[in-house]
Amino acid sequence: MLFWIPSNINTPGNKKADCAAKSALSLPITNIRFPASDLAPHVSKFCLKEWQGNKLYAIYPNVGDYQCK
């Protein structure tokens, strides 16, 4: 489940992330292939760690417990 975050102004690391994303546009594209299943556990772990440091964590401490009504 993804949530919309109202703003990224004053979010720690936002400017660094923007600069990194913009500089990546000039990198060459590679044709390295690997199964998504190799990446999924790392993405899940990263997202959970980031969520626990998020201000919405106090409202929804467990990812996946929220049900849309």
PDB file of N, CA and C in Angstrom:
ATOM      1  N   MET A   1       0.834  -1.166   0.000  1.00  0.00           N
ATOM      2  CA  MET A   1       0.000   0.000   0.000  1.00  0.00           C
ATOM      3  C   MET A   1       0.884   1.236   0.000  1.00  0.00           C
ATOM      4  N   LEU A   2       0.528   2.202  -0.768  1.00  0.00           N
ATOM      5  CA  LEU A   2       1.265   3.456  -0.821  1.00  0.00           C
ATOM      6  C   LEU A   2       0.396   4.577  -0.275  1.00  0.00           C
ATOM      7  N   PHE A   3       1.020   5.550   0.318  1.00  0.00           N
ATOM      8  CA  PHE A   3       0.320   6.712   0.836  1.00  0.00           C
ATOM      9  C   PHE A   3       0.883   7.957   0.179  1.00  0.00           C
ATOM     10  N   TRP A   4       0.023   8.940  -0.032  1.00  0.00           N
ATOM     11  CA  TRP A   4       0.462  10.223  -0.542  1.00  0.00           C
ATOM     12  C   TRP A   4       0.988  11.025   0.626  1.00  0.00           C
ATOM     13  N   ILE A   5       2.181  11.554   0.491  1.00  0.00           N
ATOM     14  CA  ILE A   5       2.769  12.398   1.521  1.00  0.00           C
ATOM     15  C   ILE A   5       2.579  13.840   1.068  1.00  0.00           C
ATOM     16  N   PRO A   6       1.983  14.677   1.912  1.00  0.00           N
ATOM     17  CA  PRO A   6       1.595  16.023   1.500  1.00  0.00           C
ATOM     18  C   PRO A   6       2.697  16.874   0.872  1.00  0.00           C
ATOM     19  N   SER A   7       3.905  16.754   1.342  1.00  0.00           N
ATOM     20  CA  SER A   7       4.952  17.618   0.811  1.00  0.00           C
ATOM     21  C   SER A   7       6.312  17.018   1.109  1.00  0.00           C
ATOM     22  N   ASN A   8       7.272  17.342   0.282  1.00  0.00           N
ATOM     23  CA  ASN A   8       8.629  16.897   0.588  1.00  0.00           C
ATOM     24  C   ASN A   8       9.511  18.075   0.952  1.00  0.00           C
ATOM     25  N   ILE A   9       8.910  19.234   1.171  1.00  0.00           N
ATOM     26  CA  ILE A   9       9.666  20.415   1.597  1.00  0.00           C
ATOM     27  C   ILE A   9      10.211  20.155   2.995  1.00  0.00           C
ATOM     28  N   ASN A  10      11.458  20.459   3.191  1.00  0.00           N
ATOM     29  CA  ASN A  10      12.161  20.258   4.460  1.00  0.00           C
ATOM     30  C   ASN A  10      12.277  18.781   4.855  1.00  0.00           C
ATOM     31  N   THR A  11      12.093  17.879   3.930  1.00  0.00           N
ATOM     32  CA  THR A  11      12.300  16.462   4.209  1.00  0.00           C
ATOM     33  C   THR A  11      13.802  16.202   4.149  1.00  0.00           C
ATOM     34  N   PRO A  12      14.359  15.625   5.221  1.00  0.00           N
ATOM     35  CA  PRO A  12      15.808  15.380   5.211  1.00  0.00           C
ATOM     36  C   PRO A  12      16.226  14.538   4.004  1.00  0.00           C
ATOM     37  N   GLY A  13      17.245  14.992   3.313  1.00  0.00           N
ATOM     38  CA  GLY A  13      17.769  14.245   2.179  1.00  0.00           C
ATOM     39  C   GLY A  13      17.063  14.503   0.864  1.00  0.00           C
ATOM     40  N   ASN A  14      16.019  15.326   0.850  1.00  0.00           N
ATOM     41  CA  ASN A  14      15.258  15.551  -0.380  1.00  0.00           C
ATOM     42  C   ASN A  14      16.121  16.175  -1.480  1.00  0.00           C
ATOM     43  N   LYS A  15      16.905  17.175  -1.131  1.00  0.00           N
ATOM     44  CA  LYS A  15      17.755  17.815  -2.145  1.00  0.00           C
ATOM     45  C   LYS A  15      18.807  16.846  -2.678  1.00  0.00           C
ATOM     46  N   LYS A  16      19.361  16.011  -1.787  1.00  0.00           N
ATOM     47  CA  LYS A  16      20.338  15.012  -2.223  1.00  0.00           C
ATOM     48  C   LYS A  16      19.689  14.017  -3.179  1.00  0.00           C
ATOM     49  N   ALA A  17      18.465  13.596  -2.849  1.00  0.00           N
ATOM     50  CA  ALA A  17      17.757  12.638  -3.702  1.00  0.00           C
ATOM     51  C   ALA A  17      17.461  13.256  -5.068  1.00  0.00           C
ATOM     52  N   ASP A  18      17.040  14.513  -5.089  1.00  0.00           N
ATOM     53  CA  ASP A  18      16.785  15.195  -6.356  1.00  0.00           C
ATOM     54  C   ASP A  18      18.046  15.282  -7.207  1.00  0.00           C
ATOM     55  N   CYS A  19      19.149  15.660  -6.574  1.00  0.00           N
ATOM     56  CA  CYS A  19      20.419  15.771  -7.305  1.00  0.00           C
ATOM     57  C   CYS A  19      20.862  14.411  -7.838  1.00  0.00           C
ATOM     58  N   ALA A  20      20.723  13.366  -7.019  1.00  0.00           N
ATOM     59  CA  ALA A  20      21.120  12.026  -7.446  1.00  0.00           C
ATOM     60  C   ALA A  20      20.268  11.561  -8.628  1.00  0.00           C
ATOM     61  N   ALA A  21      18.963  11.813  -8.557  1.00  0.00           N
ATOM     62  CA  ALA A  21      18.071  11.399  -9.648  1.00  0.00           C
ATOM     63  C   ALA A  21      18.410  12.141 -10.935  1.00  0.00           C
ATOM     64  N   LYS A  22      18.661  13.438 -10.835  1.00  0.00           N
ATOM     65  CA  LYS A  22      18.988  14.224 -12.028  1.00  0.00           C
ATOM     66  C   LYS A  22      20.338  13.804 -12.621  1.00  0.00           C
ATOM     67  N   SER A  23      21.308  13.502 -11.761  1.00  0.00           N
ATOM     68  CA  SER A  23      22.615  13.106 -12.290  1.00  0.00           C
ATOM     69  C   SER A  23      22.547  11.712 -12.916  1.00  0.00           C
ATOM     70  N   ALA A  24      21.635  10.876 -12.447  1.00  0.00           N
ATOM     71  CA  ALA A  24      21.495   9.525 -13.017  1.00  0.00           C
ATOM     72  C   ALA A  24      20.976   9.570 -14.449  1.00  0.00           C
ATOM     73  N   LEU A  25      20.327  10.653 -14.831  1.00  0.00           N
ATOM     74  CA  LEU A  25      19.809  10.765 -16.195  1.00  0.00           C
ATOM     75  C   LEU A  25      20.915  10.766 -17.238  1.00  0.00           C
ATOM     76  N   SER A  26      22.117  11.164 -16.835  1.00  0.00           N
ATOM     77  CA  SER A  26      23.226  11.221 -17.788  1.00  0.00           C
ATOM     78  C   SER A  26      24.019   9.905 -17.840  1.00  0.00           C
ATOM     79  N   LEU A  27      23.680   8.936 -17.010  1.00  0.00           N
ATOM     80  CA  LEU A  27      24.399   7.662 -17.003  1.00  0.00           C
ATOM     81  C   LEU A  27      23.938   6.788 -18.165  1.00  0.00           C
ATOM     82  N   PRO A  28      24.828   5.962 -18.675  1.00  0.00           N
ATOM     83  CA  PRO A  28      24.429   5.061 -19.757  1.00  0.00           C
ATOM     84  C   PRO A  28      23.466   3.985 -19.247  1.00  0.00           C
ATOM     85  N   ILE A  29      22.592   3.548 -20.107  1.00  0.00           N
ATOM     86  CA  ILE A  29      21.645   2.490 -19.775  1.00  0.00           C
ATOM     87  C   ILE A  29      22.333   1.150 -19.997  1.00  0.00           C
ATOM     88  N   THR A  30      22.198   0.260 -19.018  1.00  0.00           N
ATOM     89  CA  THR A  30      22.796  -1.064 -19.153  1.00  0.00           C
ATOM     90  C   THR A  30      21.703  -2.095 -19.413  1.00  0.00           C
ATOM     91  N   ASN A  31      22.098  -3.219 -19.934  1.00  0.00           N
ATOM     92  CA  ASN A  31      21.151  -4.295 -20.226  1.00  0.00           C
ATOM     93  C   ASN A  31      21.286  -5.434 -19.235  1.00  0.00           C
ATOM     94  N   ILE A  32      21.627  -5.128 -18.001  1.00  0.00           N
ATOM     95  CA  ILE A  32      21.744  -6.168 -16.985  1.00  0.00           C
ATOM     96  C   ILE A  32      20.344  -6.657 -16.641  1.00  0.00           C
ATOM     97  N   ARG A  33      20.173  -7.965 -16.666  1.00  0.00           N
ATOM     98  CA  ARG A  33      18.873  -8.551 -16.332  1.00  0.00           C
ATOM     99  C   ARG A  33      19.009  -9.411 -15.085  1.00  0.00           C
ATOM    100  N   PHE A  34      18.035  -9.287 -14.212  1.00  0.00           N
ATOM    101  CA  PHE A  34      17.970 -10.158 -13.044  1.00  0.00           C
ATOM    102  C   PHE A  34      16.510 -10.274 -12.650  1.00  0.00           C
ATOM    103  N   PRO A  35      16.156 -11.358 -11.986  1.00  0.00           N
ATOM    104  CA  PRO A  35      14.755 -11.552 -11.620  1.00  0.00           C
ATOM    105  C   PRO A  35      14.303 -10.547 -10.557  1.00  0.00           C
ATOM    106  N   ALA A  36      13.086 -10.080 -10.684  1.00  0.00           N
ATOM    107  CA  ALA A  36      12.532  -9.137  -9.712  1.00  0.00           C
ATOM    108  C   ALA A  36      12.507  -9.752  -8.317  1.00  0.00           C
ATOM    109  N   SER A  37      12.399 -11.078  -8.261  1.00  0.00           N
ATOM    110  CA  SER A  37      12.367 -11.746  -6.959  1.00  0.00           C
ATOM    111  C   SER A  37      13.672 -11.547  -6.181  1.00  0.00           C
ATOM    112  N   ASP A  38      14.755 -11.252  -6.870  1.00  0.00           N
ATOM    113  CA  ASP A  38      16.023 -10.958  -6.194  1.00  0.00           C
ATOM    114  C   ASP A  38      16.000  -9.583  -5.539  1.00  0.00           C
ATOM    115  N   LEU A  39      15.258  -8.676  -6.108  1.00  0.00           N
ATOM    116  CA  LEU A  39      15.217  -7.301  -5.626  1.00  0.00           C
ATOM    117  C   LEU A  39      14.105  -7.075  -4.601  1.00  0.00           C
ATOM    118  N   ALA A  40      13.001  -7.772  -4.722  1.00  0.00           N
ATOM    119  CA  ALA A  40      11.814  -7.532  -3.893  1.00  0.00           C
ATOM    120  C   ALA A  40      12.095  -7.548  -2.385  1.00  0.00           C
ATOM    121  N   PRO A  41      12.825  -8.516  -1.849  1.00  0.00           N
ATOM    122  CA  PRO A  41      13.062  -8.500  -0.393  1.00  0.00           C
ATOM    123  C   PRO A  41      13.829  -7.264   0.075  1.00  0.00           C
ATOM    124  N   HIS A  42      14.755  -6.798  -0.745  1.00  0.00           N
ATOM    125  CA  HIS A  42      15.537  -5.611  -0.386  1.00  0.00           C
ATOM    126  C   HIS A  42      14.663  -4.357  -0.413  1.00  0.00           C
ATOM    127  N   VAL A  43      13.792  -4.261  -1.402  1.00  0.00           N
ATOM    128  CA  VAL A  43      12.884  -3.113  -1.500  1.00  0.00           C
ATOM    129  C   VAL A  43      11.926  -3.120  -0.315  1.00  0.00           C
ATOM    130  N   SER A  44      11.382  -4.282   0.019  1.00  0.00           N
ATOM    131  CA  SER A  44      10.456  -4.387   1.153  1.00  0.00           C
ATOM    132  C   SER A  44      11.124  -3.968   2.461  1.00  0.00           C
ATOM    133  N   LYS A  45      12.328  -4.439   2.679  1.00  0.00           N
ATOM    134  CA  LYS A  45      13.059  -4.102   3.904  1.00  0.00           C
ATOM    135  C   LYS A  45      13.341  -2.600   3.965  1.00  0.00           C
ATOM    136  N   PHE A  46      13.756  -2.025   2.843  1.00  0.00           N
ATOM    137  CA  PHE A  46      14.040  -0.593   2.789  1.00  0.00           C
ATOM    138  C   PHE A  46      12.785   0.225   3.066  1.00  0.00           C
ATOM    139  N   CYS A  47      11.659  -0.163   2.427  1.00  0.00           N
ATOM    140  CA  CYS A  47      10.406   0.575   2.614  1.00  0.00           C
ATOM    141  C   CYS A  47       9.936   0.503   4.059  1.00  0.00           C
ATOM    142  N   LEU A  48      10.041  -0.660   4.686  1.00  0.00           N
ATOM    143  CA  LEU A  48       9.634  -0.803   6.079  1.00  0.00           C
ATOM    144  C   LEU A  48      10.485   0.079   6.984  1.00  0.00           C
ATOM    145  N   LYS A  49      11.790   0.101   6.737  1.00  0.00           N
ATOM    146  CA  LYS A  49      12.687   0.938   7.541  1.00  0.00           C
ATOM    147  C   LYS A  49      12.332   2.417   7.369  1.00  0.00           C
ATOM    148  N   GLU A  50      12.087   2.833   6.132  1.00  0.00           N
ATOM    149  CA  GLU A  50      11.728   4.222   5.874  1.00  0.00           C
ATOM    150  C   GLU A  50      10.384   4.569   6.513  1.00  0.00           C
ATOM    151  N   TRP A  51       9.441   3.637   6.455  1.00  0.00           N
ATOM    152  CA  TRP A  51       8.113   3.876   7.028  1.00  0.00           C
ATOM    153  C   TRP A  51       8.209   4.100   8.530  1.00  0.00           C
ATOM    154  N   GLN A  52       9.052   3.351   9.205  1.00  0.00           N
ATOM    155  CA  GLN A  52       9.171   3.472  10.647  1.00  0.00           C
ATOM    156  C   GLN A  52       9.784   4.809  11.050  1.00  0.00           C
ATOM    157  N   GLY A  53      10.452   5.480  10.149  1.00  0.00           N
ATOM    158  CA  GLY A  53      11.005   6.804  10.428  1.00  0.00           C
ATOM    159  C   GLY A  53      10.098   7.918   9.943  1.00  0.00           C
ATOM    160  N   ASN A  54       8.939   7.572   9.413  1.00  0.00           N
ATOM    161  CA  ASN A  54       8.012   8.533   8.832  1.00  0.00           C
ATOM    162  C   ASN A  54       7.083   9.093   9.888  1.00  0.00           C
ATOM    163  N   LYS A  55       6.643  10.348   9.716  1.00  0.00           N
ATOM    164  CA  LYS A  55       5.741  10.961  10.693  1.00  0.00           C
ATOM    165  C   LYS A  55       4.375  10.275  10.735  1.00  0.00           C
ATOM    166  N   LEU A  56       3.964   9.592   9.668  1.00  0.00           N
ATOM    167  CA  LEU A  56       2.688   8.883   9.684  1.00  0.00           C
ATOM    168  C   LEU A  56       2.777   7.556  10.433  1.00  0.00           C
ATOM    169  N   TYR A  57       3.978   7.136  10.783  1.00  0.00           N
ATOM    170  CA  TYR A  57       4.166   5.890  11.524  1.00  0.00           C
ATOM    171  C   TYR A  57       3.416   5.935  12.856  1.00  0.00           C
ATOM    172  N   ALA A  58       3.333   7.133  13.459  1.00  0.00           N
ATOM    173  CA  ALA A  58       2.626   7.269  14.732  1.00  0.00           C
ATOM    174  C   ALA A  58       1.130   6.983  14.570  1.00  0.00           C
ATOM    175  N   ILE A  59       0.583   7.233  13.388  1.00  0.00           N
ATOM    176  CA  ILE A  59      -0.842   7.006  13.130  1.00  0.00           C
ATOM    177  C   ILE A  59      -1.075   5.574  12.667  1.00  0.00           C
ATOM    178  N   TYR A  60      -0.244   5.096  11.751  1.00  0.00           N
ATOM    179  CA  TYR A  60      -0.356   3.742  11.197  1.00  0.00           C
ATOM    180  C   TYR A  60       0.975   3.016  11.415  1.00  0.00           C
ATOM    181  N   PRO A  61       1.193   2.463  12.621  1.00  0.00           N
ATOM    182  CA  PRO A  61       2.496   1.870  12.910  1.00  0.00           C
ATOM    183  C   PRO A  61       2.815   0.605  12.115  1.00  0.00           C
ATOM    184  N   ASN A  62       1.796  -0.087  11.637  1.00  0.00           N
ATOM    185  CA  ASN A  62       2.048  -1.322  10.907  1.00  0.00           C
ATOM    186  C   ASN A  62       1.641  -1.175   9.459  1.00  0.00           C
ATOM    187  N   VAL A  63       2.610  -1.342   8.590  1.00  0.00           N
ATOM    188  CA  VAL A  63       2.335  -1.269   7.164  1.00  0.00           C
ATOM    189  C   VAL A  63       1.390  -2.410   6.795  1.00  0.00           C
ATOM    190  N   GLY A  64       0.339  -2.097   6.077  1.00  0.00           N
ATOM    191  CA  GLY A  64      -0.599  -3.115   5.642  1.00  0.00           C
ATOM    192  C   GLY A  64      -1.802  -3.275   6.549  1.00  0.00           C
ATOM    193  N   ASP A  65      -1.803  -2.639   7.735  1.00  0.00           N
ATOM    194  CA  ASP A  65      -2.945  -2.772   8.629  1.00  0.00           C
ATOM    195  C   ASP A  65      -4.100  -1.831   8.267  1.00  0.00           C
ATOM    196  N   TYR A  66      -3.815  -0.841   7.457  1.00  0.00           N
ATOM    197  CA  TYR A  66      -4.844   0.144   7.113  1.00  0.00           C
ATOM    198  C   TYR A  66      -5.769  -0.414   6.044  1.00  0.00           C
ATOM    199  N   GLN A  67      -7.053  -0.281   6.244  1.00  0.00           N
ATOM    200  CA  GLN A  67      -8.051  -0.740   5.259  1.00  0.00           C
ATOM    201  C   GLN A  67      -8.797   0.475   4.718  1.00  0.00           C
ATOM    202  N   CYS A  68      -8.841   0.620   3.413  1.00  0.00           N
ATOM    203  CA  CYS A  68      -9.617   1.698   2.797  1.00  0.00           C
ATOM    204  C   CYS A  68     -11.103   1.413   3.013  1.00  0.00           C
ATOM    205  N   LYS A  69     -11.848   2.437   3.323  1.00  0.00           N
ATOM    206  CA  LYS A  69     -13.296   2.254   3.560  1.00  0.00           C
ATOM    207  C   LYS A  69     -14.101   3.000   2.543  1.00  0.00           C
TER     208      LYS A  69
END
